[in-house]
């Protein structure tokens, strides 16, 4: 399940129905364990009318037990989807990028401890060694491509994005952090760098390398990386979005990262990848094992992020109803993709669609046919059975207030009402009940089986709030006094702010009593004050900014610029200029 702090929408309310047209179904491996009729029932609701496509594959112990396609690959021409229909699979592509890198290591072409600049000397020297392993482990400290692209205020043509990503990287002067000593869940620049590494070492374009060394040997003829929208692919599902009026509109969206990160594949090919890769064939067995290896910091400490990358396959190791689970989800335009794997039980569910914001619930329900006897916890937590600590009003009151996570650019409030604590995002309307487990540990009441914990530490100005899920590393929030500015006081932050590194500017004005940043290409970002000189924005690429003043920080001194404060870009400066 995705991190609710990131405001991800992963509920059934996000899902659009679509008609079901069966394509093929493999015979179940064990009819006493798996029922095709039961699986078909999950998708029965989608047979009512013509709607976008969905395809699903379910595997048990490396064997295909269920494979179906539903709906229309093209609504206009009434082209039924099949198991060979191609979808853009977004984040599910990342596993193949990692596989290509590990394949080169296995062949002795590279070593994971090598400095990436050994192979790509044109990359900027950031004063710290960034290894291939740092890139695979999300511990590299490189700026994120999507954030940089938004801050730069332009959208290059699709064919130019691969080169433009590396061009944007040259704007970085120092890493977000010392590589190997910290972890960053964002930052898709590393994927582009890893693909460029494969090209430099193999002397082949990445799409051709992948076809020759990964897809073709397994017979995955329907899978291809695409770096140019002008490329022609056949049998591709048109991506759609529900228009809210009972119909659908095409929504191709933009590539989430540069160049050949865009991968098209079919459910048949992805099932083939899962059944043949590592199926007793050396060296793929060893590579598959390496893909599943948890990532670590240079200290050896294992990374346990709340919902992002935690293994070399660029997937997340988590839990579902008490059982170990590996998963990845993605979406681009109208496309959505999801993968759920239960390593201890050999069960895998893959779902691709062209008309949903999220499709994982269907894959999980199909997987549940095999997994239900093994789950050790219920699908939802019964909060009435949670052992609660009895705390006084004074004990609860000491935890209330405003909190800020400078690394993740997240702002939250803890509220006390009727002797009950509530968690809320700053500016949000949803309030989550906090159940006291002790005097400083609380469980958030939320639908599902994930156990969200909030722990309050420290006292006075050193108070912190640690937010974690099911044993993950915590997101750390710092307590602070609420800050507010009058419209007249906000005027000190207005002006034109320019980044020479990106050749980009934002005009900040006071609008309806609040700060707003304007850029012709990225639109308007609205800000709310969090701490003195620190504001939280309503767009992710400017989730937080901190204003700087002449001769150091201090209220009353002239504002000279601001620094971006988001996970993917932590030190980029915009300077106030005279216009």
Protein backbone atom coordinates (compact mmCIF):
# COMPACT_ATOMS: atom_id res chain seq x y z
CA UNK A 1 0.00 0.00 0.00
CA UNK A 2 1.33 3.44 -0.89
CA UNK A 3 2.23 6.00 1.75
CA UNK A 4 -0.81 8.08 2.71
CA UNK A 5 1.54 10.93 3.53
CA UNK A 6 2.22 11.21 -0.18
CA UNK A 7 -1.53 11.58 -0.78
CA UNK A 8 -1.66 8.53 -3.05
CA UNK A 9 -5.18 7.40 -4.00
CA UNK A 10 -5.23 3.61 -3.87
CA UNK A 11 -8.89 2.97 -3.05
CA UNK A 12 -11.62 1.25 -4.99
CA UNK A 13 -13.22 4.67 -5.49
CA UNK A 14 -10.37 5.45 -7.89
CA UNK A 15 -11.21 2.52 -10.13
CA UNK A 16 -13.33 2.68 -13.28
CA UNK A 17 -15.32 -0.37 -14.46
CA UNK A 18 -14.84 -1.88 -17.87
CA UNK A 19 -16.32 -4.67 -19.95
CA UNK A 20 -14.71 -8.08 -19.89
CA UNK A 21 -13.85 -10.10 -22.96
CA UNK A 22 -11.98 -13.29 -22.10
CA UNK A 23 -8.82 -13.95 -24.08
CA UNK A 24 -7.14 -17.09 -22.80
CA UNK A 25 -6.97 -18.97 -19.54
CA UNK A 26 -4.32 -21.47 -18.54
CA UNK A 27 -5.46 -24.61 -16.78
CA UNK A 28 -5.10 -24.31 -13.03
CA UNK A 29 -2.11 -26.07 -11.52
CA UNK A 30 -4.27 -27.54 -8.77
CA UNK A 31 -8.05 -27.29 -9.05
CA UNK A 32 -8.40 -27.96 -5.33
CA UNK A 33 -6.42 -24.78 -4.63
CA UNK A 34 -7.35 -22.48 -7.48
CA UNK A 35 -10.73 -21.93 -9.10
CA UNK A 36 -10.91 -20.27 -12.52
CA UNK A 37 -14.62 -19.62 -12.00
CA UNK A 38 -13.86 -17.86 -8.72
CA UNK A 39 -11.24 -15.70 -10.45
CA UNK A 40 -13.64 -14.86 -13.28
CA UNK A 41 -16.18 -13.69 -10.71
CA UNK A 42 -13.76 -10.97 -9.59
CA UNK A 43 -14.05 -9.38 -13.04
CA UNK A 44 -17.73 -10.13 -13.66
CA UNK A 45 -18.69 -6.53 -12.91
CA UNK A 46 -16.70 -5.40 -15.96
CA UNK A 47 -18.81 -7.26 -18.51
CA UNK A 48 -21.63 -4.69 -18.48
CA UNK A 49 -20.39 -2.32 -21.18
CA UNK A 50 -17.52 -1.46 -23.46
CA UNK A 51 -14.72 0.04 -21.42
CA UNK A 52 -10.89 0.18 -21.48
CA UNK A 53 -8.71 -2.89 -21.23
CA UNK A 54 -7.42 -4.85 -18.27
CA UNK A 55 -5.17 -7.91 -18.37
CA UNK A 56 -4.12 -10.11 -15.48
CA UNK A 57 -1.80 -13.06 -14.89
CA UNK A 58 -1.60 -15.19 -11.77
CA UNK A 59 1.34 -17.54 -11.15
CA UNK A 60 2.03 -20.21 -8.56
CA UNK A 61 5.51 -21.69 -8.06
CA UNK A 62 6.67 -20.31 -11.41
CA UNK A 63 3.73 -21.75 -13.34
CA UNK A 64 0.90 -19.83 -14.98
CA UNK A 65 -2.47 -20.71 -13.41
CA UNK A 66 -4.65 -17.87 -14.72
CA UNK A 67 -4.30 -15.43 -17.60
CA UNK A 68 -7.09 -13.26 -18.97
CA UNK A 69 -7.70 -10.04 -20.90
CA UNK A 70 -10.86 -7.95 -20.62
CA UNK A 71 -12.34 -4.89 -22.25
CA UNK A 72 -11.37 -2.95 -25.33
CA UNK A 73 -7.86 -2.07 -26.48
CA UNK A 74 -9.48 0.64 -28.61
CA UNK A 75 -12.94 1.96 -27.74
CA UNK A 76 -13.42 3.85 -30.98
CA UNK A 77 -12.86 0.84 -33.23
CA UNK A 78 -14.09 -1.79 -30.76
CA UNK A 79 -10.83 -3.72 -30.74
CA UNK A 80 -10.98 -6.36 -28.02
CA UNK A 81 -7.98 -6.70 -25.72
CA UNK A 82 -6.04 -9.96 -25.74
CA UNK A 83 -3.18 -11.32 -23.66
CA UNK A 84 -0.87 -10.03 -26.42
CA UNK A 85 -2.14 -6.43 -26.12
CA UNK A 86 0.63 -4.04 -25.08
CA UNK A 87 0.43 -1.50 -22.27
CA UNK A 88 2.93 1.02 -20.99
CA UNK A 89 4.01 -0.53 -17.69
CA UNK A 90 5.65 2.51 -16.08
CA UNK A 91 7.47 1.60 -12.83
CA UNK A 92 7.42 -2.13 -13.62
CA UNK A 93 10.10 -1.25 -16.20
CA UNK A 94 12.62 -0.47 -13.47
CA UNK A 95 13.27 -4.15 -12.76
CA UNK A 96 14.57 -4.62 -16.31
CA UNK A 97 16.94 -1.65 -15.99
CA UNK A 98 18.38 -3.18 -12.83
CA UNK A 99 18.59 -6.60 -14.49
CA UNK A 100 20.61 -5.17 -17.41
CA UNK A 101 23.11 -3.61 -14.99
CA UNK A 102 23.47 -6.80 -12.93
CA UNK A 103 23.83 -8.77 -16.15
CA UNK A 104 26.85 -6.65 -17.11
CA UNK A 105 28.34 -7.22 -13.66
CA UNK A 106 27.81 -10.98 -13.98
CA UNK A 107 29.70 -10.90 -17.28
CA UNK A 108 32.63 -9.08 -15.70
CA UNK A 109 32.05 -5.85 -17.64
CA UNK A 110 31.53 -3.69 -14.54
CA UNK A 111 31.76 -3.87 -10.74
CA UNK A 112 29.02 -2.45 -8.53
CA UNK A 113 31.62 -0.59 -6.44
CA UNK A 114 32.94 1.25 -9.52
CA UNK A 115 32.62 5.04 -9.68
CA UNK A 116 29.92 5.77 -12.27
CA UNK A 117 32.19 8.43 -13.80
CA UNK A 118 34.63 5.67 -14.77
CA UNK A 119 32.16 4.81 -17.54
CA UNK A 120 30.41 8.18 -17.91
CA UNK A 121 33.16 10.81 -17.51
CA UNK A 122 30.86 13.57 -18.83
CA UNK A 123 28.73 13.39 -15.69
CA UNK A 124 29.39 16.30 -13.34
CA UNK A 125 31.94 15.82 -10.57
CA UNK A 126 29.90 16.45 -7.42
CA UNK A 127 32.87 16.11 -5.10
CA UNK A 128 31.80 12.67 -3.84
CA UNK A 129 32.15 9.22 -5.38
CA UNK A 130 28.84 7.82 -6.62
CA UNK A 131 29.05 4.09 -7.31
CA UNK A 132 26.84 1.88 -9.45
CA UNK A 133 25.62 0.26 -6.26
CA UNK A 134 24.59 3.67 -4.90
CA UNK A 135 22.43 4.15 -7.99
CA UNK A 136 20.83 0.70 -7.67
CA UNK A 137 20.22 1.35 -3.96
CA UNK A 138 18.67 4.83 -4.24
CA UNK A 139 21.50 6.14 -2.07
CA UNK A 140 23.25 8.19 -4.79
CA UNK A 141 22.15 11.74 -3.89
CA UNK A 142 21.44 12.75 -7.50
CA UNK A 143 18.72 15.28 -8.26
CA UNK A 144 15.42 13.86 -9.56
CA UNK A 145 14.65 14.29 -13.25
CA UNK A 146 10.93 15.01 -12.92
CA UNK A 147 11.45 17.67 -10.27
CA UNK A 148 14.28 19.29 -12.22
CA UNK A 149 12.19 19.30 -15.38
CA UNK A 150 9.34 21.07 -13.57
CA UNK A 151 11.66 23.57 -11.90
CA UNK A 152 13.28 24.26 -15.26
CA UNK A 153 9.83 25.12 -16.56
CA UNK A 154 9.96 23.28 -19.86
CA UNK A 155 8.90 20.05 -21.48
CA UNK A 156 11.39 18.88 -24.12
CA UNK A 157 10.17 16.81 -27.07
CA UNK A 158 9.96 13.11 -26.22
CA UNK A 159 12.89 12.23 -28.45
CA UNK A 160 15.08 14.81 -26.68
CA UNK A 161 14.29 13.79 -23.10
CA UNK A 162 17.04 11.21 -22.75
CA UNK A 163 19.73 13.79 -23.57
CA UNK A 164 17.95 16.55 -21.66
CA UNK A 165 17.96 14.50 -18.45
CA UNK A 166 21.75 14.40 -18.45
CA UNK A 167 21.82 18.07 -19.39
CA UNK A 168 19.68 18.91 -16.34
CA UNK A 169 21.98 16.83 -14.17
CA UNK A 170 24.83 19.19 -15.03
CA UNK A 171 22.98 21.87 -13.08
CA UNK A 172 23.70 19.92 -9.88
CA UNK A 173 26.76 21.21 -7.98
CA UNK A 174 26.68 18.93 -4.93
CA UNK A 175 24.83 15.72 -4.01
CA UNK A 176 21.66 15.86 -1.94
CA UNK A 177 23.63 13.99 0.73
CA UNK A 178 26.85 12.01 1.02
CA UNK A 179 26.28 9.02 -1.29
CA UNK A 180 25.79 5.78 0.60
CA UNK A 181 24.99 7.46 3.92
CA UNK A 182 21.31 8.24 3.28
CA UNK A 183 18.39 7.03 1.21
CA UNK A 184 16.12 8.94 -1.18
CA UNK A 185 12.79 7.41 -2.29
CA UNK A 186 12.50 9.89 -5.16
CA UNK A 187 15.06 10.77 -7.77
CA UNK A 188 14.41 9.08 -11.11
CA UNK A 189 17.60 10.55 -12.60
CA UNK A 190 19.43 7.42 -11.42
CA UNK A 191 17.42 5.29 -13.84
CA UNK A 192 18.55 7.37 -16.80
CA UNK A 193 22.16 7.22 -15.62
CA UNK A 194 21.98 3.44 -15.23
CA UNK A 195 20.62 3.06 -18.75
CA UNK A 196 23.34 5.33 -20.07
CA UNK A 197 25.86 3.12 -18.24
CA UNK A 198 24.53 0.04 -20.04
CA UNK A 199 24.87 1.84 -23.36
CA UNK A 200 28.41 3.00 -22.66
CA UNK A 201 29.60 -0.46 -21.63
CA UNK A 202 27.72 -2.50 -24.24
CA UNK A 203 28.13 0.02 -27.07
CA UNK A 204 24.46 -0.50 -27.93
CA UNK A 205 21.36 1.70 -27.52
CA UNK A 206 19.53 0.58 -24.41
CA UNK A 207 16.42 -0.53 -26.26
CA UNK A 208 18.48 -2.75 -28.56
CA UNK A 209 20.54 -4.15 -25.68
CA UNK A 210 17.37 -5.06 -23.80
CA UNK A 211 15.83 -6.69 -26.85
CA UNK A 212 18.94 -8.77 -27.63
CA UNK A 213 20.03 -9.76 -24.12
CA UNK A 214 16.82 -9.77 -22.04
CA UNK A 215 13.61 -10.03 -24.08
CA UNK A 216 14.49 -12.07 -27.17
CA UNK A 217 16.16 -14.97 -25.28
CA UNK A 218 12.89 -15.49 -23.38
CA UNK A 219 10.63 -15.03 -26.39
CA UNK A 220 9.20 -11.71 -25.14
CA UNK A 221 8.49 -10.41 -28.64
CA UNK A 222 5.81 -7.98 -27.44
CA UNK A 223 8.09 -6.03 -25.08
CA UNK A 224 10.03 -2.95 -26.14
CA UNK A 225 11.55 0.17 -24.64
CA UNK A 226 10.48 3.29 -26.55
CA UNK A 227 12.46 6.51 -26.53
CA UNK A 228 10.53 8.37 -29.22
CA UNK A 229 6.77 8.91 -29.47
CA UNK A 230 7.11 8.68 -33.22
CA UNK A 231 7.98 5.01 -32.88
CA UNK A 232 5.20 2.81 -34.23
CA UNK A 233 4.05 -0.14 -32.12
CA UNK A 234 1.19 -2.42 -33.08
CA UNK A 235 -1.39 -4.00 -30.80
CA UNK A 236 -1.17 -1.24 -28.17
CA UNK A 237 -4.05 -0.46 -25.82
CA UNK A 238 -5.17 3.17 -26.04
CA UNK A 239 -4.94 4.75 -22.56
CA UNK A 240 -8.12 6.42 -21.27
CA UNK A 241 -9.34 8.44 -18.30
CA UNK A 242 -12.90 8.41 -16.99
CA UNK A 243 -14.33 11.81 -17.95
CA UNK A 244 -16.76 11.79 -15.02
CA UNK A 245 -19.72 11.85 -17.41
CA UNK A 246 -20.02 8.16 -18.11
CA UNK A 247 -17.45 8.17 -20.89
CA UNK A 248 -13.71 8.05 -21.49
CA UNK A 249 -11.15 10.40 -22.99
CA UNK A 250 -7.74 9.33 -24.33
CA UNK A 251 -4.95 10.24 -21.90
CA UNK A 252 -1.43 9.44 -23.07
CA UNK A 253 0.15 11.63 -20.40
CA UNK A 254 3.88 12.32 -20.39
CA UNK A 255 6.77 9.96 -19.88
CA UNK A 256 7.47 9.90 -16.15
CA UNK A 257 11.18 9.94 -16.84
CA UNK A 258 13.42 10.39 -19.79
CA UNK A 259 13.87 8.32 -22.89
CA UNK A 260 13.69 4.52 -22.79
CA UNK A 261 12.31 4.32 -19.26
CA UNK A 262 9.04 4.03 -21.20
CA UNK A 263 8.46 0.29 -21.62
CA UNK A 264 5.56 -1.38 -23.41
CA UNK A 265 4.74 -5.00 -22.67
CA UNK A 266 1.88 -7.50 -22.65
CA UNK A 267 0.54 -9.58 -19.81
CA UNK A 268 1.69 -12.66 -21.72
CA UNK A 269 5.27 -11.39 -21.88
CA UNK A 270 5.37 -10.34 -18.22
CA UNK A 271 4.07 -13.76 -17.23
CA UNK A 272 6.80 -15.28 -19.40
CA UNK A 273 9.41 -13.14 -17.63
CA UNK A 274 8.21 -14.41 -14.28
CA UNK A 275 8.00 -18.06 -15.30
CA UNK A 276 11.24 -18.35 -17.28
CA UNK A 277 13.60 -15.89 -15.59
CA UNK A 278 15.51 -17.78 -12.93
CA UNK A 279 13.68 -21.04 -13.66
CA UNK A 280 16.72 -23.28 -13.21
CA UNK A 281 18.70 -21.57 -15.96
CA UNK A 282 22.16 -20.26 -14.99
CA UNK A 283 23.15 -17.49 -14.73
CA UNK A 284 19.59 -16.13 -14.60
CA UNK A 285 18.94 -17.93 -11.31
CA UNK A 286 21.79 -16.02 -9.67
CA UNK A 287 20.67 -12.73 -11.24
CA UNK A 288 17.09 -13.28 -10.05
CA UNK A 289 18.38 -13.88 -6.52
CA UNK A 290 20.46 -10.71 -6.75
CA UNK A 291 17.44 -8.71 -7.91
CA UNK A 292 15.62 -9.75 -4.75
CA UNK A 293 18.51 -8.61 -2.51
CA UNK A 294 17.48 -5.88 -0.03
CA UNK A 295 19.34 -2.59 -0.48
CA UNK A 296 21.59 -1.19 2.23
CA UNK A 297 23.49 1.92 3.17
CA UNK A 298 27.30 1.79 3.02
CA UNK A 299 27.25 1.05 6.75
CA UNK A 300 25.44 -2.21 6.05
CA UNK A 301 22.18 -0.94 7.52
CA UNK A 302 19.19 -2.29 5.60
CA UNK A 303 16.86 0.30 4.08
CA UNK A 304 13.22 -0.17 5.12
CA UNK A 305 11.39 2.67 3.44
CA UNK A 306 7.72 3.24 4.12
CA UNK A 307 6.58 2.41 0.57
CA UNK A 308 9.32 2.84 -2.00
CA UNK A 309 12.35 0.97 -3.35
CA UNK A 310 13.85 -1.57 -0.95
CA UNK A 311 15.52 -4.15 -3.24
CA UNK A 312 17.74 -4.21 -6.33
CA UNK A 313 14.73 -5.01 -8.53
CA UNK A 314 13.51 -1.48 -7.73
CA UNK A 315 10.54 -2.94 -5.88
CA UNK A 316 9.33 -2.69 -2.31
CA UNK A 317 9.53 -5.40 0.33
CA UNK A 318 6.53 -5.10 2.61
CA UNK A 319 3.77 -7.19 4.15
CA UNK A 320 0.19 -8.09 3.32
CA UNK A 321 -1.94 -9.39 6.18
CA UNK A 322 1.13 -10.59 8.04
CA UNK A 323 2.80 -12.29 5.03
CA UNK A 324 5.99 -11.04 3.31
CA UNK A 325 5.18 -9.34 0.02
CA UNK A 326 7.20 -7.70 -2.77
CA UNK A 327 5.37 -5.18 -4.90
CA UNK A 328 5.56 -2.29 -7.34
CA UNK A 329 2.86 -0.10 -8.85
CA UNK A 330 2.89 2.56 -11.53
CA UNK A 331 0.73 4.76 -13.69
CA UNK A 332 1.30 6.99 -16.71
CA UNK A 333 -1.57 8.78 -18.39
CA UNK A 334 -4.43 6.27 -18.48
CA UNK A 335 -2.10 3.30 -18.01
CA UNK A 336 -1.76 1.55 -14.66
CA UNK A 337 0.34 -1.45 -13.65
CA UNK A 338 0.87 -3.49 -10.52
CA UNK A 339 2.90 -6.47 -9.36
CA UNK A 340 2.42 -8.39 -6.11
CA UNK A 341 4.65 -11.33 -5.21
CA UNK A 342 4.54 -13.51 -2.10
CA UNK A 343 8.03 -15.09 -2.04
CA UNK A 344 7.29 -17.53 0.77
CA UNK A 345 4.35 -19.02 -1.13
CA UNK A 346 5.42 -18.65 -4.76
CA UNK A 347 2.35 -16.58 -5.68
CA UNK A 348 2.57 -13.66 -8.12
CA UNK A 349 -0.19 -11.42 -9.52
CA UNK A 350 0.44 -8.96 -12.38
CA UNK A 351 -2.21 -6.51 -13.59
CA UNK A 352 -2.08 -4.10 -16.54
CA UNK A 353 -4.84 -1.68 -17.54
CA UNK A 354 -5.59 1.25 -19.81
CA UNK A 355 -8.43 3.00 -18.00
CA UNK A 356 -7.73 2.99 -14.26
CA UNK A 357 -5.73 5.16 -11.89
CA UNK A 358 -4.85 2.02 -9.90
CA UNK A 359 -5.54 -1.65 -10.64
CA UNK A 360 -3.77 -3.50 -7.84
CA UNK A 361 -6.93 -4.35 -5.90
CA UNK A 362 -7.97 -6.74 -8.68
CA UNK A 363 -4.60 -8.48 -8.74
CA UNK A 364 -4.63 -8.77 -4.97
CA UNK A 365 -8.13 -10.24 -4.97
CA UNK A 366 -7.04 -12.83 -7.54
CA UNK A 367 -3.92 -13.63 -5.52
CA UNK A 368 -6.13 -13.95 -2.46
CA UNK A 369 -7.72 -17.09 -3.92
CA UNK A 370 -4.38 -18.83 -3.39
CA UNK A 371 -3.19 -16.83 -0.39
CA UNK A 372 -6.32 -16.73 1.78
CA UNK A 373 -5.48 -19.95 3.70
CA UNK A 374 -2.04 -18.55 4.53
CA UNK A 375 -2.76 -15.01 5.68
CA UNK A 376 -2.12 -14.64 9.40
CA UNK A 377 -3.97 -11.36 9.84
CA UNK A 378 -7.41 -10.10 8.75
CA UNK A 379 -7.91 -7.88 5.71
CA UNK A 380 -8.75 -4.96 7.99
CA UNK A 381 -7.62 -4.16 11.52
CA UNK A 382 -10.30 -4.45 14.20
CA UNK A 383 -9.44 -1.35 16.19
CA UNK A 384 -11.91 -2.29 18.91
CA UNK A 385 -9.50 -5.10 19.84
CA UNK A 386 -6.40 -2.88 20.00
CA UNK A 387 -5.11 -2.66 23.58
CA UNK A 388 -5.36 1.02 24.48
CA UNK A 389 -3.42 2.93 27.09
CA UNK A 390 -5.34 5.25 29.38
CA UNK A 391 -3.91 8.77 29.14
CA UNK A 392 -4.97 11.97 30.81
CA UNK A 393 -5.87 15.11 28.90
CA UNK A 394 -2.56 16.66 29.99
CA UNK A 395 -0.63 13.67 28.65
CA UNK A 396 -2.41 13.93 25.30
CA UNK A 397 -2.08 17.69 25.13
CA UNK A 398 1.72 17.58 25.24
CA UNK A 399 1.78 15.94 21.80
CA UNK A 400 -0.43 18.47 20.02
CA UNK A 401 0.92 21.08 17.65
CA UNK A 402 2.46 21.55 14.22
CA UNK A 403 5.15 19.27 12.76
CA UNK A 404 7.40 19.53 9.71
CA UNK A 405 9.58 17.00 7.87
CA UNK A 406 12.33 19.01 6.11
CA UNK A 407 13.62 16.05 4.05
CA UNK A 408 10.22 14.96 2.73
CA UNK A 409 8.69 18.49 2.67
CA UNK A 410 5.65 17.27 4.61
CA UNK A 411 3.67 19.28 7.12
CA UNK A 412 1.19 17.89 9.64
CA UNK A 413 -0.83 18.79 12.72
CA UNK A 414 -1.75 16.83 15.83
CA UNK A 415 -5.12 17.94 17.20
CA UNK A 416 -6.88 17.15 20.49
CA UNK A 417 -10.69 17.00 20.45
CA UNK A 418 -12.91 15.46 23.10
CA UNK A 419 -9.86 13.84 24.70
CA UNK A 420 -8.86 12.10 21.44
CA UNK A 421 -5.76 12.86 19.35
CA UNK A 422 -6.06 13.26 15.58
CA UNK A 423 -3.49 13.43 12.79
CA UNK A 424 -4.07 15.78 9.83
CA UNK A 425 -2.03 17.09 6.93
CA UNK A 426 -1.58 20.86 7.00
CA UNK A 427 -4.21 22.34 4.74
CA UNK A 428 -6.04 19.01 4.51
CA UNK A 429 -9.53 18.19 5.76
CA UNK A 430 -9.11 14.51 6.67
CA UNK A 431 -8.38 13.79 10.31
CA UNK A 432 -7.18 10.34 11.40
CA UNK A 433 -7.86 9.05 14.91
CA UNK A 434 -4.76 8.17 16.93
CA UNK A 435 -5.15 5.29 19.39
CA UNK A 436 -2.76 5.48 22.38
CA UNK A 437 -0.66 2.33 22.82
CA UNK A 438 1.54 3.95 25.49
CA UNK A 439 2.22 7.47 26.71
CA UNK A 440 4.13 8.34 23.50
CA UNK A 441 3.22 5.70 20.88
CA UNK A 442 -0.04 5.85 18.93
CA UNK A 443 -1.61 3.75 16.18
CA UNK A 444 -3.37 5.55 13.35
CA UNK A 445 -6.86 4.30 12.59
CA UNK A 446 -7.07 3.72 8.85
CA UNK A 447 -8.81 1.19 6.62
CA UNK A 448 -6.73 -1.83 5.65
CA UNK A 449 -4.23 -4.14 7.29
CA UNK A 450 -1.20 -1.82 7.43
CA UNK A 451 -0.15 -0.75 10.91
CA UNK A 452 0.71 2.95 10.95
CA UNK A 453 2.48 4.10 14.12
CA UNK A 454 3.30 7.57 15.38
CA UNK A 455 5.90 7.94 18.11
CA UNK A 456 6.52 11.22 19.93
CA UNK A 457 10.06 11.83 21.18
CA UNK A 458 11.90 14.63 22.96
CA UNK A 459 10.56 17.66 24.75
CA UNK A 460 10.24 21.40 24.25
CA UNK A 461 11.82 22.74 21.07
CA UNK A 462 13.44 19.34 20.44
CA UNK A 463 10.13 17.49 20.09
CA UNK A 464 9.85 15.08 17.16
CA UNK A 465 7.16 12.91 15.64
CA UNK A 466 8.25 9.64 13.96
CA UNK A 467 5.83 8.22 11.40
CA UNK A 468 6.27 4.57 10.31
CA UNK A 469 4.32 1.75 8.71
CA UNK A 470 4.62 -1.95 9.53
CA UNK A 471 8.17 -1.71 10.86
CA UNK A 472 9.53 0.73 8.25
CA UNK A 473 12.20 3.32 8.88
CA UNK A 474 10.42 6.40 10.27
CA UNK A 475 9.73 9.67 8.53
CA UNK A 476 10.96 12.24 11.05
CA UNK A 477 8.92 15.37 11.75
CA UNK A 478 10.11 18.29 13.86
CA UNK A 479 7.73 20.21 16.12
CA UNK A 480 7.45 23.95 15.55
CA UNK A 481 5.31 26.90 16.55
CA UNK A 482 2.61 27.79 14.00
CA UNK A 483 3.63 30.66 11.74
CA UNK A 484 1.36 33.15 10.03
CA UNK A 485 1.87 36.28 7.96
CA UNK A 486 -0.41 39.13 7.05
CA UNK A 487 -0.70 40.06 3.39
CA UNK A 488 1.52 43.06 4.10
CA UNK A 489 4.16 40.85 5.73
CA UNK A 490 4.05 38.41 2.81
CA UNK A 491 5.09 41.22 0.47
CA UNK A 492 8.69 40.79 1.64
CA UNK A 493 8.80 37.39 -0.13
CA UNK A 494 7.52 38.62 -3.49
CA UNK A 495 9.59 39.21 -6.60
CA UNK A 496 11.27 37.34 -9.44
CA UNK A 497 13.54 34.46 -8.45
CA UNK A 498 16.01 33.01 -10.95
CA UNK A 499 18.13 29.85 -11.14
CA UNK A 500 21.18 30.32 -13.37
CA UNK A 501 21.79 26.56 -13.28
CA UNK A 502 18.40 25.90 -14.89
CA UNK A 503 17.93 29.24 -16.68
CA UNK A 504 14.49 29.30 -15.10
CA UNK A 505 12.54 31.81 -13.05
CA UNK A 506 9.42 32.02 -10.90
CA UNK A 507 7.47 35.17 -10.06
CA UNK A 508 6.14 35.11 -6.49
CA UNK A 509 3.14 37.28 -5.68
CA UNK A 510 0.58 37.69 -2.90
CA UNK A 511 -2.74 36.30 -4.09
CA UNK A 512 -5.86 36.21 -1.89
CA UNK A 513 -3.75 36.76 1.20
CA UNK A 514 -1.29 33.93 0.42
CA UNK A 515 1.95 33.45 -1.51
CA UNK A 516 1.79 32.01 -5.02
CA UNK A 517 4.62 31.25 -7.46
CA UNK A 518 3.94 31.66 -11.17
CA UNK A 519 5.66 30.07 -14.15
CA UNK A 520 4.12 30.04 -17.62
CA UNK A 521 4.86 26.37 -18.23
CA UNK A 522 4.42 24.80 -14.81
CA UNK A 523 1.44 26.87 -13.69
CA UNK A 524 0.80 28.30 -10.22
CA UNK A 525 2.06 26.89 -6.92
CA UNK A 526 0.24 28.02 -3.77
CA UNK A 527 2.14 28.21 -0.48
CA UNK A 528 1.30 28.06 3.20
CA UNK A 529 3.77 29.13 5.93
CA UNK A 530 5.18 26.33 8.08
CA UNK A 531 7.99 28.02 10.00
CA UNK A 532 9.59 31.46 9.70
CA UNK A 533 10.83 31.75 6.10
CA UNK A 534 9.72 28.16 5.30
CA UNK A 535 6.62 27.45 3.20
CA UNK A 536 4.94 24.26 1.98
CA UNK A 537 3.70 24.20 -1.63
CA UNK A 538 0.75 22.40 -3.21
CA UNK A 539 2.79 20.89 -6.06
CA UNK A 540 5.27 18.10 -5.38
CA UNK A 541 8.23 19.68 -7.20
CA UNK A 542 7.94 22.65 -4.84
CA UNK A 543 6.65 20.80 -1.81
CA UNK A 544 8.80 23.04 0.37
CA UNK A 545 10.91 26.17 -0.03
CA UNK A 546 13.06 28.12 2.43
CA UNK A 547 13.75 31.79 1.85
CA UNK A 548 17.23 33.17 2.51
CA UNK A 549 18.07 36.65 3.70
CA UNK A 550 21.06 38.93 3.42
CA UNK A 551 23.86 38.30 5.92
CA UNK A 552 22.31 35.12 7.27
CA UNK A 553 18.87 34.29 8.52
CA UNK A 554 16.88 36.76 10.55
CA UNK A 555 13.46 38.33 10.34
CA UNK A 556 13.50 41.87 9.02
CA UNK A 557 16.53 41.42 6.76
CA UNK A 558 15.94 41.58 2.99
CA UNK A 559 14.96 38.34 1.27
CA UNK A 560 17.62 37.38 -1.28
CA UNK A 561 16.34 34.05 -2.63
CA UNK A 562 14.92 30.66 -1.78
CA UNK A 563 16.11 27.03 -1.70
CA UNK A 564 13.98 24.12 -2.87
CA UNK A 565 13.21 21.63 -0.10
CA UNK A 566 12.00 18.29 -1.50
CA UNK A 567 13.44 14.80 -1.28
CA UNK A 568 14.64 14.73 -4.89
CA UNK A 569 16.23 18.20 -4.91
CA UNK A 570 17.49 19.46 -1.55
CA UNK A 571 19.87 22.32 -2.24
CA UNK A 572 18.88 24.05 -5.49
CA UNK A 573 18.86 27.84 -5.10
CA UNK A 574 16.82 30.53 -6.82
CA UNK A 575 18.14 34.08 -6.44
CA UNK A 576 15.94 37.15 -6.20
CA UNK A 577 16.64 39.49 -9.12
CA UNK A 578 15.68 43.07 -10.00
CA UNK A 579 13.29 43.37 -12.90
